[in-house]
Amino acid sequence: KVGNTWTFSAGNYCFGGNLHVNAGDVWTATGPVTIYIGGELLIDGGATVGNVADPTKMLFVLNQTAKIGSGSLAGEAKFYGMLYGPDAKVTISGEAQIFGAIAAEEVTISGDARLHYDVAVMNDTRVVGEYRRTLLSWREL
């Protein structure tokens, strides 16, 4: 950690409880990083999470007991990466922006929040293994 910037080296990291990224914090990765979360994920407005140049370098995995609470990505939060939580309810609000992909039970977008799907994440095998994936449809929200 340098100031309010956390730089993760390639590898796996586990947070057994809640993970809160505060306003003004920057979380980035130098290589492929998988972060497992056992509790709630909250990213405040003004925080930046992920690798801006390559969203495939940051993957958040929520286990079955984890959830993403209301306002999980809020304000002007920016998330460059992938979020995998098939049982999670994800809320993106305010002017938050996601660059990458989200796999969740439910995604709610409100305000002027945006989800920008990055086709580069289709080639990531950390969650689904070596299965071939193809984008079949697209729907603007």
Protein backbone atom coordinates (compact mmCIF):
# COMPACT_ATOMS: atom_id res chain seq x y z
CA LYS A 1 0.00 0.00 0.00
CA VAL A 2 1.26 3.44 -0.93
CA GLY A 3 -1.01 6.26 0.28
CA ASN A 4 -4.53 5.17 -0.62
CA THR A 5 -3.36 2.88 -3.47
CA TRP A 6 -3.25 -0.91 -3.04
CA THR A 7 -1.36 -2.80 -5.75
CA PHE A 8 -1.94 -6.57 -5.84
CA SER A 9 0.57 -8.96 -7.38
CA ALA A 10 -0.76 -11.89 -9.39
CA GLY A 11 -2.40 -14.48 -7.15
CA ASN A 12 -5.39 -15.37 -5.02
CA TYR A 13 -6.59 -13.33 -2.03
CA CYS A 14 -9.34 -14.14 0.46
CA PHE A 15 -11.46 -11.77 2.56
CA GLY A 16 -13.57 -13.85 4.94
CA GLY A 17 -15.80 -10.97 5.96
CA ASN A 18 -17.00 -7.77 4.37
CA LEU A 19 -14.82 -5.87 1.92
CA HIS A 20 -15.24 -2.09 1.84
CA VAL A 21 -13.32 0.04 -0.66
CA ASN A 22 -13.48 3.63 0.55
CA ALA A 23 -13.92 6.81 -1.49
CA GLY A 24 -10.59 7.89 -2.96
CA ASP A 25 -9.05 4.41 -2.68
CA VAL A 26 -7.40 2.83 -5.73
CA TRP A 27 -7.08 -0.96 -5.99
CA THR A 28 -5.08 -2.22 -8.95
CA ALA A 29 -3.34 -5.39 -10.11
CA THR A 30 -0.04 -6.09 -11.86
CA GLY A 31 -1.13 -9.58 -12.98
CA PRO A 32 -4.19 -11.85 -12.83
CA VAL A 33 -5.73 -11.43 -9.37
CA THR A 34 -8.67 -13.36 -7.93
CA ILE A 35 -10.23 -11.96 -4.75
CA TYR A 36 -12.61 -14.25 -2.86
CA ILE A 37 -15.13 -12.51 -0.60
CA GLY A 38 -17.12 -14.21 2.15
CA GLY A 39 -19.18 -11.16 3.13
CA GLU A 40 -20.57 -8.06 1.53
CA LEU A 41 -18.72 -6.05 -1.13
CA LEU A 42 -19.11 -2.27 -0.95
CA ILE A 43 -17.31 0.15 -3.28
CA ASP A 44 -17.84 3.80 -2.43
CA GLY A 45 -18.17 6.63 -4.90
CA GLY A 46 -14.81 8.04 -5.92
CA ALA A 47 -13.03 4.68 -5.56
CA THR A 48 -11.30 2.98 -8.49
CA VAL A 49 -10.96 -0.81 -8.51
CA GLY A 50 -9.19 -2.94 -11.11
CA ASN A 51 -6.70 -2.50 -13.89
CA VAL A 52 -7.79 0.36 -16.17
CA ALA A 53 -5.82 -1.00 -19.15
CA ASP A 54 -6.90 -4.64 -18.71
CA PRO A 55 -10.09 -5.56 -16.82
CA THR A 56 -9.21 -9.27 -17.06
CA LYS A 57 -6.57 -8.78 -14.36
CA MET A 58 -9.11 -8.34 -11.52
CA LEU A 59 -11.75 -10.94 -10.62
CA PHE A 60 -13.96 -10.78 -7.53
CA VAL A 61 -15.64 -14.07 -6.58
CA LEU A 62 -18.45 -14.05 -4.03
CA ASN A 63 -19.12 -17.34 -2.26
CA GLN A 64 -22.65 -18.66 -1.70
CA THR A 65 -23.06 -16.86 1.62
CA ALA A 66 -21.70 -13.56 0.28
CA LYS A 67 -23.84 -10.76 -1.02
CA ILE A 68 -23.49 -7.32 -2.48
CA GLY A 69 -25.55 -4.82 -0.56
CA SER A 70 -27.60 -1.92 -1.75
CA GLY A 71 -25.41 0.83 -3.12
CA SER A 72 -22.58 -1.63 -3.59
CA LEU A 73 -21.06 0.43 -6.38
CA ALA A 74 -22.16 4.00 -5.85
CA GLY A 75 -21.47 7.59 -6.70
CA GLU A 76 -18.60 7.90 -9.14
CA ALA A 77 -17.04 4.50 -8.37
CA LYS A 78 -15.19 2.87 -11.25
CA PHE A 79 -14.71 -0.90 -11.47
CA TYR A 80 -12.44 -2.42 -14.15
CA GLY A 81 -12.77 -6.17 -13.86
CA MET A 82 -15.07 -9.10 -13.45
CA LEU A 83 -17.50 -9.82 -10.67
CA TYR A 84 -18.75 -13.40 -10.27
CA GLY A 85 -21.50 -13.95 -7.72
CA PRO A 86 -24.24 -16.19 -9.12
CA ASP A 87 -26.29 -15.84 -5.91
CA ALA A 88 -25.63 -12.11 -5.44
CA LYS A 89 -27.88 -9.14 -5.95
CA VAL A 90 -25.73 -6.35 -7.37
CA THR A 91 -26.72 -2.69 -7.19
CA ILE A 92 -24.96 -0.07 -9.30
CA SER A 93 -26.12 3.48 -8.56
CA GLY A 94 -25.33 7.14 -9.02
CA GLU A 95 -22.68 7.64 -11.69
CA ALA A 96 -20.80 4.40 -11.00
CA GLN A 97 -19.29 2.64 -13.99
CA ILE A 98 -18.33 -0.99 -14.57
CA PHE A 99 -15.87 -1.88 -17.34
CA GLY A 100 -15.74 -5.67 -17.72
CA ALA A 101 -18.50 -8.11 -16.76
CA ILE A 102 -20.85 -9.14 -13.97
CA ALA A 103 -22.39 -12.59 -13.42
CA ALA A 104 -25.02 -12.34 -10.70
CA GLU A 105 -28.53 -13.48 -9.84
CA GLU A 106 -29.80 -9.91 -10.17
CA VAL A 107 -28.26 -6.62 -11.32
CA THR A 108 -30.02 -3.32 -10.60
CA ILE A 109 -28.78 -0.17 -12.29
CA SER A 110 -30.12 3.23 -11.22
CA GLY A 111 -29.30 6.88 -11.74
CA ASP A 112 -26.74 7.47 -14.47
CA ALA A 113 -24.73 4.31 -13.68
CA ARG A 114 -23.27 2.37 -16.61
CA LEU A 115 -22.15 -1.19 -17.31
CA HIS A 116 -19.68 -1.44 -20.21
CA TYR A 117 -19.17 -5.07 -21.23
CA ASP A 118 -15.59 -5.80 -22.30
CA VAL A 119 -15.34 -8.74 -24.74
CA ALA A 120 -11.79 -9.46 -23.50
CA VAL A 121 -13.27 -11.04 -20.37
CA MET A 122 -14.79 -13.87 -22.46
CA ASN A 123 -11.34 -15.45 -22.67
CA ASP A 124 -10.79 -15.58 -18.89
CA THR A 125 -10.93 -19.17 -17.62
CA ARG A 126 -10.63 -18.65 -13.85
CA VAL A 127 -14.33 -19.18 -13.14
CA VAL A 128 -15.69 -21.45 -15.86
CA GLY A 129 -12.55 -23.38 -16.76
CA GLU A 130 -11.69 -24.16 -20.34
CA TYR A 131 -15.27 -24.15 -21.62
CA ARG A 132 -15.80 -22.23 -24.85
CA ARG A 133 -17.95 -19.14 -24.44
CA THR A 134 -19.75 -17.17 -27.11
CA LEU A 135 -21.66 -13.93 -26.78
CA LEU A 136 -25.17 -14.82 -27.98
CA SER A 137 -27.07 -11.64 -27.29
CA TRP A 138 -26.76 -8.11 -26.03
CA ARG A 139 -29.24 -5.83 -24.33
CA GLU A 140 -28.56 -2.19 -23.46
CA LEU A 141 -29.77 -1.25 -20.00
